[in-house]
Amino acid sequence: IILLYPSLSICQSLDIWEDGELCLNSLQCKSKCCHRSTGLSLARCAPKASENSECSAKTLYGVYYKCPCERGLTCEVDKTIVGSITNTNFGFCHDAGRSRE
């Protein structure tokens, strides 16, 4: 861990990090989204996706290519087995309580 993330110290492991800070898992982030743009990029805490933004369904891995939706929104995505394994089940955030037109 120290080799991949030299700026992280052991004493930080119990802290909750702000957006923009390096992370290893979404549980470390205040927003609950540890985001990376590519498989080789460093993950950083990021805000959750807003309405009509691209999103990911919740993942077991704890790191997202697209953050999950803000509270009260639902990520409408077609889940597939391959997408679940590769963490590529993307969709868009919608307000499930609002009627569709």
PDB file of N, CA and C in Angstrom:
ATOM      1  N   ILE A   1       0.832  -1.189   0.000  1.00  0.00           N
ATOM      2  CA  ILE A   1       0.000   0.000   0.000  1.00  0.00           C
ATOM      3  C   ILE A   1       0.870   1.243   0.000  1.00  0.00           C
ATOM      4  N   ILE A   2       1.899   1.259   0.790  1.00  0.00           N
ATOM      5  CA  ILE A   2       2.767   2.431   0.879  1.00  0.00           C
ATOM      6  C   ILE A   2       3.461   2.686  -0.458  1.00  0.00           C
ATOM      7  N   LEU A   3       3.822   1.620  -1.194  1.00  0.00           N
ATOM      8  CA  LEU A   3       4.488   1.796  -2.483  1.00  0.00           C
ATOM      9  C   LEU A   3       3.563   2.429  -3.521  1.00  0.00           C
ATOM     10  N   LEU A   4       2.311   2.018  -3.537  1.00  0.00           N
ATOM     11  CA  LEU A   4       1.369   2.563  -4.509  1.00  0.00           C
ATOM     12  C   LEU A   4       0.870   3.951  -4.119  1.00  0.00           C
ATOM     13  N   TYR A   5       0.740   4.194  -2.836  1.00  0.00           N
ATOM     14  CA  TYR A   5       0.199   5.448  -2.340  1.00  0.00           C
ATOM     15  C   TYR A   5       1.134   6.019  -1.262  1.00  0.00           C
ATOM     16  N   PRO A   6       2.307   6.520  -1.663  1.00  0.00           N
ATOM     17  CA  PRO A   6       3.280   6.978  -0.675  1.00  0.00           C
ATOM     18  C   PRO A   6       2.786   8.129   0.199  1.00  0.00           C
ATOM     19  N   SER A   7       1.798   8.896  -0.252  1.00  0.00           N
ATOM     20  CA  SER A   7       1.320  10.027   0.547  1.00  0.00           C
ATOM     21  C   SER A   7       0.361   9.594   1.659  1.00  0.00           C
ATOM     22  N   LEU A   8      -0.087   8.329   1.624  1.00  0.00           N
ATOM     23  CA  LEU A   8      -0.975   7.839   2.670  1.00  0.00           C
ATOM     24  C   LEU A   8      -0.137   7.334   3.836  1.00  0.00           C
ATOM     25  N   SER A   9      -0.466   7.732   5.011  1.00  0.00           N
ATOM     26  CA  SER A   9       0.248   7.237   6.183  1.00  0.00           C
ATOM     27  C   SER A   9      -0.652   6.300   6.966  1.00  0.00           C
ATOM     28  N   ILE A  10      -0.060   5.507   7.825  1.00  0.00           N
ATOM     29  CA  ILE A  10      -0.822   4.545   8.606  1.00  0.00           C
ATOM     30  C   ILE A  10      -1.838   5.250   9.495  1.00  0.00           C
ATOM     31  N   CYS A  11      -1.475   6.407  10.036  1.00  0.00           N
ATOM     32  CA  CYS A  11      -2.396   7.101  10.929  1.00  0.00           C
ATOM     33  C   CYS A  11      -3.610   7.658  10.189  1.00  0.00           C
ATOM     34  N   GLN A  12      -3.531   7.788   8.869  1.00  0.00           N
ATOM     35  CA  GLN A  12      -4.669   8.278   8.094  1.00  0.00           C
ATOM     36  C   GLN A  12      -5.709   7.192   7.832  1.00  0.00           C
ATOM     37  N   SER A  13      -5.371   5.933   8.082  1.00  0.00           N
ATOM     38  CA  SER A  13      -6.260   4.837   7.693  1.00  0.00           C
ATOM     39  C   SER A  13      -7.621   4.888   8.393  1.00  0.00           C
ATOM     40  N   LEU A  14      -7.734   5.568   9.530  1.00  0.00           N
ATOM     41  CA  LEU A  14      -9.007   5.669  10.228  1.00  0.00           C
ATOM     42  C   LEU A  14      -9.747   6.955   9.915  1.00  0.00           C
ATOM     43  N   ASP A  15      -9.143   7.840   9.141  1.00  0.00           N
ATOM     44  CA  ASP A  15      -9.758   9.116   8.798  1.00  0.00           C
ATOM     45  C   ASP A  15     -10.764   8.953   7.669  1.00  0.00           C
ATOM     46  N   ILE A  16     -11.673   9.918   7.576  1.00  0.00           N
ATOM     47  CA  ILE A  16     -12.591  10.005   6.436  1.00  0.00           C
ATOM     48  C   ILE A  16     -12.056  11.128   5.552  1.00  0.00           C
ATOM     49  N   TRP A  17     -11.813  10.815   4.285  1.00  0.00           N
ATOM     50  CA  TRP A  17     -11.153  11.753   3.391  1.00  0.00           C
ATOM     51  C   TRP A  17     -12.133  12.586   2.580  1.00  0.00           C
ATOM     52  N   GLU A  18     -11.714  13.780   2.255  1.00  0.00           N
ATOM     53  CA  GLU A  18     -12.486  14.724   1.450  1.00  0.00           C
ATOM     54  C   GLU A  18     -12.297  14.417  -0.039  1.00  0.00           C
ATOM     55  N   ASP A  19     -13.159  15.012  -0.870  1.00  0.00           N
ATOM     56  CA  ASP A  19     -13.029  14.850  -2.326  1.00  0.00           C
ATOM     57  C   ASP A  19     -11.646  15.300  -2.778  1.00  0.00           C
ATOM     58  N   GLY A  20     -11.059  14.534  -3.690  1.00  0.00           N
ATOM     59  CA  GLY A  20      -9.747  14.855  -4.243  1.00  0.00           C
ATOM     60  C   GLY A  20      -8.599  14.124  -3.573  1.00  0.00           C
ATOM     61  N   GLU A  21      -8.847  13.557  -2.394  1.00  0.00           N
ATOM     62  CA  GLU A  21      -7.781  12.846  -1.692  1.00  0.00           C
ATOM     63  C   GLU A  21      -7.694  11.403  -2.185  1.00  0.00           C
ATOM     64  N   LEU A  22      -6.478  10.839  -2.184  1.00  0.00           N
ATOM     65  CA  LEU A  22      -6.254   9.472  -2.618  1.00  0.00           C
ATOM     66  C   LEU A  22      -6.997   8.497  -1.714  1.00  0.00           C
ATOM     67  N   CYS A  23      -7.503   7.414  -2.304  1.00  0.00           N
ATOM     68  CA  CYS A  23      -8.251   6.416  -1.533  1.00  0.00           C
ATOM     69  C   CYS A  23      -7.995   5.029  -2.097  1.00  0.00           C
ATOM     70  N   LEU A  24      -8.305   4.033  -1.283  1.00  0.00           N
ATOM     71  CA  LEU A  24      -8.215   2.637  -1.703  1.00  0.00           C
ATOM     72  C   LEU A  24      -9.584   1.977  -1.756  1.00  0.00           C
ATOM     73  N   ASN A  25     -10.561   2.587  -1.060  1.00  0.00           N
ATOM     74  CA  ASN A  25     -11.898   2.028  -0.967  1.00  0.00           C
ATOM     75  C   ASN A  25     -12.886   3.152  -0.669  1.00  0.00           C
ATOM     76  N   SER A  26     -14.103   3.025  -1.133  1.00  0.00           N
ATOM     77  CA  SER A  26     -15.116   4.062  -0.941  1.00  0.00           C
ATOM     78  C   SER A  26     -15.463   4.316   0.523  1.00  0.00           C
ATOM     79  N   LEU A  27     -15.253   3.337   1.382  1.00  0.00           N
ATOM     80  CA  LEU A  27     -15.533   3.534   2.802  1.00  0.00           C
ATOM     81  C   LEU A  27     -14.639   4.599   3.427  1.00  0.00           C
ATOM     82  N   GLN A  28     -13.499   4.882   2.799  1.00  0.00           N
ATOM     83  CA  GLN A  28     -12.579   5.893   3.310  1.00  0.00           C
ATOM     84  C   GLN A  28     -13.039   7.311   2.985  1.00  0.00           C
ATOM     85  N   CYS A  29     -13.940   7.459   2.036  1.00  0.00           N
ATOM     86  CA  CYS A  29     -14.338   8.774   1.538  1.00  0.00           C
ATOM     87  C   CYS A  29     -15.592   9.299   2.223  1.00  0.00           C
ATOM     88  N   LYS A  30     -15.593  10.582   2.501  1.00  0.00           N
ATOM     89  CA  LYS A  30     -16.766  11.232   3.075  1.00  0.00           C
ATOM     90  C   LYS A  30     -17.979  11.046   2.161  1.00  0.00           C
ATOM     91  N   SER A  31     -17.745  11.119   0.847  1.00  0.00           N
ATOM     92  CA  SER A  31     -18.819  10.969  -0.148  1.00  0.00           C
ATOM     93  C   SER A  31     -19.202   9.510  -0.394  1.00  0.00           C
ATOM     94  N   LYS A  32     -18.405   8.583   0.096  1.00  0.00           N
ATOM     95  CA  LYS A  32     -18.581   7.139  -0.126  1.00  0.00           C
ATOM     96  C   LYS A  32     -18.367   6.759  -1.591  1.00  0.00           C
ATOM     97  N   CYS A  33     -17.528   7.545  -2.297  1.00  0.00           N
ATOM     98  CA  CYS A  33     -17.168   7.195  -3.671  1.00  0.00           C
ATOM     99  C   CYS A  33     -15.673   7.366  -3.883  1.00  0.00           C
ATOM    100  N   CYS A  34     -14.987   6.249  -4.041  1.00  0.00           N
ATOM    101  CA  CYS A  34     -13.570   6.232  -4.406  1.00  0.00           C
ATOM    102  C   CYS A  34     -13.545   5.989  -5.919  1.00  0.00           C
ATOM    103  N   HIS A  35     -13.113   6.985  -6.688  1.00  0.00           N
ATOM    104  CA  HIS A  35     -13.267   6.997  -8.147  1.00  0.00           C
ATOM    105  C   HIS A  35     -11.911   6.954  -8.853  1.00  0.00           C
ATOM    106  N   ARG A  36     -11.854   6.207  -9.928  1.00  0.00           N
ATOM    107  CA  ARG A  36     -10.680   6.227 -10.812  1.00  0.00           C
ATOM    108  C   ARG A  36     -11.172   6.344 -12.248  1.00  0.00           C
ATOM    109  N   SER A  37     -10.427   7.071 -13.067  1.00  0.00           N
ATOM    110  CA  SER A  37     -10.874   7.280 -14.447  1.00  0.00           C
ATOM    111  C   SER A  37     -10.456   6.140 -15.367  1.00  0.00           C
ATOM    112  N   THR A  38      -9.355   5.463 -15.058  1.00  0.00           N
ATOM    113  CA  THR A  38      -8.917   4.305 -15.846  1.00  0.00           C
ATOM    114  C   THR A  38      -8.391   3.238 -14.895  1.00  0.00           C
ATOM    115  N   GLY A  39      -8.167   2.063 -15.404  1.00  0.00           N
ATOM    116  CA  GLY A  39      -7.648   0.972 -14.586  1.00  0.00           C
ATOM    117  C   GLY A  39      -6.257   1.231 -14.046  1.00  0.00           C
ATOM    118  N   LEU A  40      -5.513   2.133 -14.669  1.00  0.00           N
ATOM    119  CA  LEU A  40      -4.146   2.420 -14.233  1.00  0.00           C
ATOM    120  C   LEU A  40      -4.023   3.706 -13.424  1.00  0.00           C
ATOM    121  N   SER A  41      -5.099   4.464 -13.299  1.00  0.00           N
ATOM    122  CA  SER A  41      -5.023   5.740 -12.582  1.00  0.00           C
ATOM    123  C   SER A  41      -5.173   5.537 -11.073  1.00  0.00           C
ATOM    124  N   LEU A  42      -4.679   6.504 -10.322  1.00  0.00           N
ATOM    125  CA  LEU A  42      -4.846   6.482  -8.876  1.00  0.00           C
ATOM    126  C   LEU A  42      -6.289   6.856  -8.546  1.00  0.00           C
ATOM    127  N   ALA A  43      -6.848   6.199  -7.568  1.00  0.00           N
ATOM    128  CA  ALA A  43      -8.230   6.484  -7.176  1.00  0.00           C
ATOM    129  C   ALA A  43      -8.257   7.637  -6.181  1.00  0.00           C
ATOM    130  N   ARG A  44      -9.267   8.494  -6.328  1.00  0.00           N
ATOM    131  CA  ARG A  44      -9.449   9.640  -5.437  1.00  0.00           C
ATOM    132  C   ARG A  44     -10.910   9.731  -5.028  1.00  0.00           C
ATOM    133  N   CYS A  45     -11.139  10.271  -3.841  1.00  0.00           N
ATOM    134  CA  CYS A  45     -12.505  10.496  -3.388  1.00  0.00           C
ATOM    135  C   CYS A  45     -13.171  11.511  -4.319  1.00  0.00           C
ATOM    136  N   ALA A  46     -14.428  11.261  -4.653  1.00  0.00           N
ATOM    137  CA  ALA A  46     -15.157  12.130  -5.579  1.00  0.00           C
ATOM    138  C   ALA A  46     -16.611  12.233  -5.127  1.00  0.00           C
ATOM    139  N   PRO A  47     -17.305  13.308  -5.532  1.00  0.00           N
ATOM    140  CA  PRO A  47     -18.715  13.441  -5.158  1.00  0.00           C
ATOM    141  C   PRO A  47     -19.571  12.397  -5.872  1.00  0.00           C
ATOM    142  N   LYS A  48     -20.688  12.049  -5.266  1.00  0.00           N
ATOM    143  CA  LYS A  48     -21.617  11.120  -5.906  1.00  0.00           C
ATOM    144  C   LYS A  48     -22.256  11.783  -7.121  1.00  0.00           C
ATOM    145  N   ALA A  49     -22.775  10.960  -8.015  1.00  0.00           N
ATOM    146  CA  ALA A  49     -23.364  11.445  -9.267  1.00  0.00           C
ATOM    147  C   ALA A  49     -24.707  12.126  -9.011  1.00  0.00           C
ATOM    148  N   SER A  50     -24.932  13.236  -9.703  1.00  0.00           N
ATOM    149  CA  SER A  50     -26.185  13.990  -9.579  1.00  0.00           C
ATOM    150  C   SER A  50     -27.202  13.492 -10.610  1.00  0.00           C
ATOM    151  N   GLU A  51     -28.411  14.037 -10.550  1.00  0.00           N
ATOM    152  CA  GLU A  51     -29.479  13.620 -11.450  1.00  0.00           C
ATOM    153  C   GLU A  51     -29.055  13.801 -12.908  1.00  0.00           C
ATOM    154  N   ASN A  52     -29.355  12.814 -13.734  1.00  0.00           N
ATOM    155  CA  ASN A  52     -29.034  12.752 -15.167  1.00  0.00           C
ATOM    156  C   ASN A  52     -27.551  12.594 -15.451  1.00  0.00           C
ATOM    157  N   SER A  53     -26.724  12.347 -14.429  1.00  0.00           N
ATOM    158  CA  SER A  53     -25.297  12.094 -14.621  1.00  0.00           C
ATOM    159  C   SER A  53     -25.065  10.602 -14.776  1.00  0.00           C
ATOM    160  N   GLU A  54     -23.951  10.256 -15.427  1.00  0.00           N
ATOM    161  CA  GLU A  54     -23.580   8.856 -15.575  1.00  0.00           C
ATOM    162  C   GLU A  54     -23.206   8.284 -14.205  1.00  0.00           C
ATOM    163  N   CYS A  55     -23.568   7.017 -13.976  1.00  0.00           N
ATOM    164  CA  CYS A  55     -23.343   6.412 -12.664  1.00  0.00           C
ATOM    165  C   CYS A  55     -23.010   4.934 -12.810  1.00  0.00           C
ATOM    166  N   SER A  56     -22.548   4.363 -11.709  1.00  0.00           N
ATOM    167  CA  SER A  56     -22.330   2.924 -11.606  1.00  0.00           C
ATOM    168  C   SER A  56     -23.268   2.376 -10.552  1.00  0.00           C
ATOM    169  N   ALA A  57     -23.673   1.137 -10.754  1.00  0.00           N
ATOM    170  CA  ALA A  57     -24.402   0.437  -9.697  1.00  0.00           C
ATOM    171  C   ALA A  57     -23.405   0.180  -8.569  1.00  0.00           C
ATOM    172  N   LYS A  58     -23.892  -0.088  -7.376  1.00  0.00           N
ATOM    173  CA  LYS A  58     -23.007  -0.388  -6.250  1.00  0.00           C
ATOM    174  C   LYS A  58     -22.121  -1.572  -6.626  1.00  0.00           C
ATOM    175  N   THR A  59     -20.867  -1.512  -6.207  1.00  0.00           N
ATOM    176  CA  THR A  59     -19.927  -2.575  -6.535  1.00  0.00           C
ATOM    177  C   THR A  59     -19.311  -3.170  -5.282  1.00  0.00           C
ATOM    178  N   LEU A  60     -18.888  -4.398  -5.374  1.00  0.00           N
ATOM    179  CA  LEU A  60     -18.221  -5.059  -4.258  1.00  0.00           C
ATOM    180  C   LEU A  60     -16.778  -4.597  -4.119  1.00  0.00           C
ATOM    181  N   TYR A  61     -16.212  -4.054  -5.190  1.00  0.00           N
ATOM    182  CA  TYR A  61     -14.790  -3.699  -5.197  1.00  0.00           C
ATOM    183  C   TYR A  61     -14.484  -2.456  -4.367  1.00  0.00           C
ATOM    184  N   GLY A  62     -15.436  -1.551  -4.237  1.00  0.00           N
ATOM    185  CA  GLY A  62     -15.207  -0.350  -3.449  1.00  0.00           C
ATOM    186  C   GLY A  62     -14.552   0.787  -4.200  1.00  0.00           C
ATOM    187  N   VAL A  63     -14.237   0.575  -5.487  1.00  0.00           N
ATOM    188  CA  VAL A  63     -13.662   1.629  -6.330  1.00  0.00           C
ATOM    189  C   VAL A  63     -14.493   1.685  -7.610  1.00  0.00           C
ATOM    190  N   TYR A  64     -14.832   2.888  -8.029  1.00  0.00           N
ATOM    191  CA  TYR A  64     -15.753   3.074  -9.151  1.00  0.00           C
ATOM    192  C   TYR A  64     -15.107   3.808 -10.326  1.00  0.00           C
ATOM    193  N   TYR A  65     -15.555   3.482 -11.539  1.00  0.00           N
ATOM    194  CA  TYR A  65     -15.214   4.281 -12.722  1.00  0.00           C
ATOM    195  C   TYR A  65     -16.224   5.412 -12.868  1.00  0.00           C
ATOM    196  N   LYS A  66     -17.426   5.211 -12.396  1.00  0.00           N
ATOM    197  CA  LYS A  66     -18.483   6.233 -12.321  1.00  0.00           C
ATOM    198  C   LYS A  66     -19.062   6.127 -10.917  1.00  0.00           C
ATOM    199  N   CYS A  67     -19.200   7.239 -10.226  1.00  0.00           N
ATOM    200  CA  CYS A  67     -19.696   7.198  -8.843  1.00  0.00           C
ATOM    201  C   CYS A  67     -21.169   6.819  -8.798  1.00  0.00           C
ATOM    202  N   PRO A  68     -21.602   6.199  -7.695  1.00  0.00           N
ATOM    203  CA  PRO A  68     -23.030   5.929  -7.519  1.00  0.00           C
ATOM    204  C   PRO A  68     -23.802   7.239  -7.358  1.00  0.00           C
ATOM    205  N   CYS A  69     -25.099   7.150  -7.425  1.00  0.00           N
ATOM    206  CA  CYS A  69     -25.962   8.342  -7.348  1.00  0.00           C
ATOM    207  C   CYS A  69     -26.049   8.915  -5.940  1.00  0.00           C
ATOM    208  N   GLU A  70     -26.376  10.216  -5.909  1.00  0.00           N
ATOM    209  CA  GLU A  70     -26.657  10.888  -4.644  1.00  0.00           C
ATOM    210  C   GLU A  70     -27.880  10.240  -4.002  1.00  0.00           C
ATOM    211  N   ARG A  71     -28.053  10.466  -2.702  1.00  0.00           N
ATOM    212  CA  ARG A  71     -29.198   9.925  -1.976  1.00  0.00           C
ATOM    213  C   ARG A  71     -30.507  10.384  -2.631  1.00  0.00           C
ATOM    214  N   GLY A  72     -31.452   9.462  -2.744  1.00  0.00           N
ATOM    215  CA  GLY A  72     -32.750   9.760  -3.337  1.00  0.00           C
ATOM    216  C   GLY A  72     -32.814   9.508  -4.828  1.00  0.00           C
ATOM    217  N   LEU A  73     -31.658   9.244  -5.454  1.00  0.00           N
ATOM    218  CA  LEU A  73     -31.615   8.951  -6.883  1.00  0.00           C
ATOM    219  C   LEU A  73     -31.293   7.481  -7.099  1.00  0.00           C
ATOM    220  N   THR A  74     -31.709   6.968  -8.242  1.00  0.00           N
ATOM    221  CA  THR A  74     -31.472   5.578  -8.596  1.00  0.00           C
ATOM    222  C   THR A  74     -30.641   5.511  -9.872  1.00  0.00           C
ATOM    223  N   CYS A  75     -29.658   4.620  -9.880  1.00  0.00           N
ATOM    224  CA  CYS A  75     -28.845   4.410 -11.082  1.00  0.00           C
ATOM    225  C   CYS A  75     -29.549   3.362 -11.934  1.00  0.00           C
ATOM    226  N   GLU A  76     -30.145   3.818 -13.030  1.00  0.00           N
ATOM    227  CA  GLU A  76     -30.838   2.901 -13.934  1.00  0.00           C
ATOM    228  C   GLU A  76     -29.823   2.342 -14.912  1.00  0.00           C
ATOM    229  N   VAL A  77     -29.526   1.060 -14.730  1.00  0.00           N
ATOM    230  CA  VAL A  77     -28.477   0.409 -15.505  1.00  0.00           C
ATOM    231  C   VAL A  77     -28.907  -1.018 -15.828  1.00  0.00           C
ATOM    232  N   ASP A  78     -28.524  -1.492 -17.000  1.00  0.00           N
ATOM    233  CA  ASP A  78     -28.742  -2.893 -17.359  1.00  0.00           C
ATOM    234  C   ASP A  78     -27.566  -3.680 -16.798  1.00  0.00           C
ATOM    235  N   LYS A  79     -27.829  -4.438 -15.737  1.00  0.00           N
ATOM    236  CA  LYS A  79     -26.749  -5.204 -15.101  1.00  0.00           C
ATOM    237  C   LYS A  79     -26.497  -6.488 -15.875  1.00  0.00           C
ATOM    238  N   THR A  80     -25.222  -6.763 -16.117  1.00  0.00           N
ATOM    239  CA  THR A  80     -24.812  -7.997 -16.770  1.00  0.00           C
ATOM    240  C   THR A  80     -23.748  -8.665 -15.903  1.00  0.00           C
ATOM    241  N   ILE A  81     -23.558  -9.934 -16.090  1.00  0.00           N
ATOM    242  CA  ILE A  81     -22.523 -10.655 -15.338  1.00  0.00           C
ATOM    243  C   ILE A  81     -21.149 -10.117 -15.713  1.00  0.00           C
ATOM    244  N   VAL A  82     -20.901  -9.937 -16.996  1.00  0.00           N
ATOM    245  CA  VAL A  82     -19.605  -9.410 -17.449  1.00  0.00           C
ATOM    246  C   VAL A  82     -19.395  -8.005 -16.904  1.00  0.00           C
ATOM    247  N   GLY A  83     -20.419  -7.163 -16.951  1.00  0.00           N
ATOM    248  CA  GLY A  83     -20.313  -5.806 -16.428  1.00  0.00           C
ATOM    249  C   GLY A  83     -20.039  -5.784 -14.946  1.00  0.00           C
ATOM    250  N   SER A  84     -20.618  -6.728 -14.213  1.00  0.00           N
ATOM    251  CA  SER A  84     -20.367  -6.817 -12.774  1.00  0.00           C
ATOM    252  C   SER A  84     -18.925  -7.204 -12.487  1.00  0.00           C
ATOM    253  N   ILE A  85     -18.395  -8.132 -13.252  1.00  0.00           N
ATOM    254  CA  ILE A  85     -17.008  -8.573 -13.065  1.00  0.00           C
ATOM    255  C   ILE A  85     -16.029  -7.480 -13.446  1.00  0.00           C
ATOM    256  N   THR A  86     -16.294  -6.785 -14.543  1.00  0.00           N
ATOM    257  CA  THR A  86     -15.358  -5.761 -15.036  1.00  0.00           C
ATOM    258  C   THR A  86     -15.658  -4.367 -14.498  1.00  0.00           C
ATOM    259  N   ASN A  87     -16.689  -4.238 -13.661  1.00  0.00           N
ATOM    260  CA  ASN A  87     -17.070  -2.956 -13.061  1.00  0.00           C
ATOM    261  C   ASN A  87     -17.433  -1.925 -14.130  1.00  0.00           C
ATOM    262  N   THR A  88     -18.174  -2.368 -15.150  1.00  0.00           N
ATOM    263  CA  THR A  88     -18.562  -1.474 -16.252  1.00  0.00           C
ATOM    264  C   THR A  88     -20.074  -1.412 -16.452  1.00  0.00           C
ATOM    265  N   ASN A  89     -20.841  -1.679 -15.421  1.00  0.00           N
ATOM    266  CA  ASN A  89     -22.298  -1.534 -15.497  1.00  0.00           C
ATOM    267  C   ASN A  89     -22.638  -0.065 -15.259  1.00  0.00           C
ATOM    268  N   PHE A  90     -22.665   0.737 -16.327  1.00  0.00           N
ATOM    269  CA  PHE A  90     -22.931   2.165 -16.196  1.00  0.00           C
ATOM    270  C   PHE A  90     -24.359   2.484 -16.605  1.00  0.00           C
ATOM    271  N   GLY A  91     -24.903   3.547 -16.012  1.00  0.00           N
ATOM    272  CA  GLY A  91     -26.244   4.006 -16.335  1.00  0.00           C
ATOM    273  C   GLY A  91     -26.340   5.493 -16.055  1.00  0.00           C
ATOM    274  N   PHE A  92     -27.565   5.966 -15.778  1.00  0.00           N
ATOM    275  CA  PHE A  92     -27.790   7.377 -15.475  1.00  0.00           C
ATOM    276  C   PHE A  92     -28.642   7.503 -14.218  1.00  0.00           C
ATOM    277  N   CYS A  93     -28.358   8.522 -13.420  1.00  0.00           N
ATOM    278  CA  CYS A  93     -29.102   8.766 -12.185  1.00  0.00           C
ATOM    279  C   CYS A  93     -30.457   9.399 -12.485  1.00  0.00           C
ATOM    280  N   HIS A  94     -31.502   8.830 -11.904  1.00  0.00           N
ATOM    281  CA  HIS A  94     -32.852   9.355 -12.061  1.00  0.00           C
ATOM    282  C   HIS A  94     -33.539   9.378 -10.709  1.00  0.00           C
ATOM    283  N   ASP A  95     -34.477  10.294 -10.549  1.00  0.00           N
ATOM    284  CA  ASP A  95     -35.282  10.374  -9.345  1.00  0.00           C
ATOM    285  C   ASP A  95     -36.404   9.365  -9.482  1.00  0.00           C
ATOM    286  N   ALA A  96     -36.301   8.281  -8.715  1.00  0.00           N
ATOM    287  CA  ALA A  96     -37.289   7.205  -8.817  1.00  0.00           C
ATOM    288  C   ALA A  96     -38.681   7.666  -8.361  1.00  0.00           C
ATOM    289  N   GLY A  97     -38.742   8.697  -7.511  1.00  0.00           N
ATOM    290  CA  GLY A  97     -40.019   9.183  -6.999  1.00  0.00           C
ATOM    291  C   GLY A  97     -40.746  10.097  -7.972  1.00  0.00           C
ATOM    292  N   ARG A  98     -40.023  10.639  -8.931  1.00  0.00           N
ATOM    293  CA  ARG A  98     -40.623  11.562  -9.905  1.00  0.00           C
ATOM    294  C   ARG A  98     -41.244  10.767 -11.041  1.00  0.00           C
ATOM    295  N   SER A  99     -42.416  11.110 -11.448  1.00  0.00           N
ATOM    296  CA  SER A  99     -43.067  10.394 -12.552  1.00  0.00           C
ATOM    297  C   SER A  99     -42.369  10.719 -13.861  1.00  0.00           C
ATOM    298  N   ARG A 100     -42.313   9.720 -14.710  1.00  0.00           N
ATOM    299  CA  ARG A 100     -41.671   9.906 -16.025  1.00  0.00           C
ATOM    300  C   ARG A 100     -42.651  10.453 -17.032  1.00  0.00           C
ATOM    301  N   GLU A 101     -42.127  11.308 -17.864  1.00  0.00           N
ATOM    302  CA  GLU A 101     -42.979  11.915 -18.899  1.00  0.00           C
ATOM    303  C   GLU A 101     -42.583  11.413 -20.255  1.00  0.00           C
TER     304      GLU A 101
END
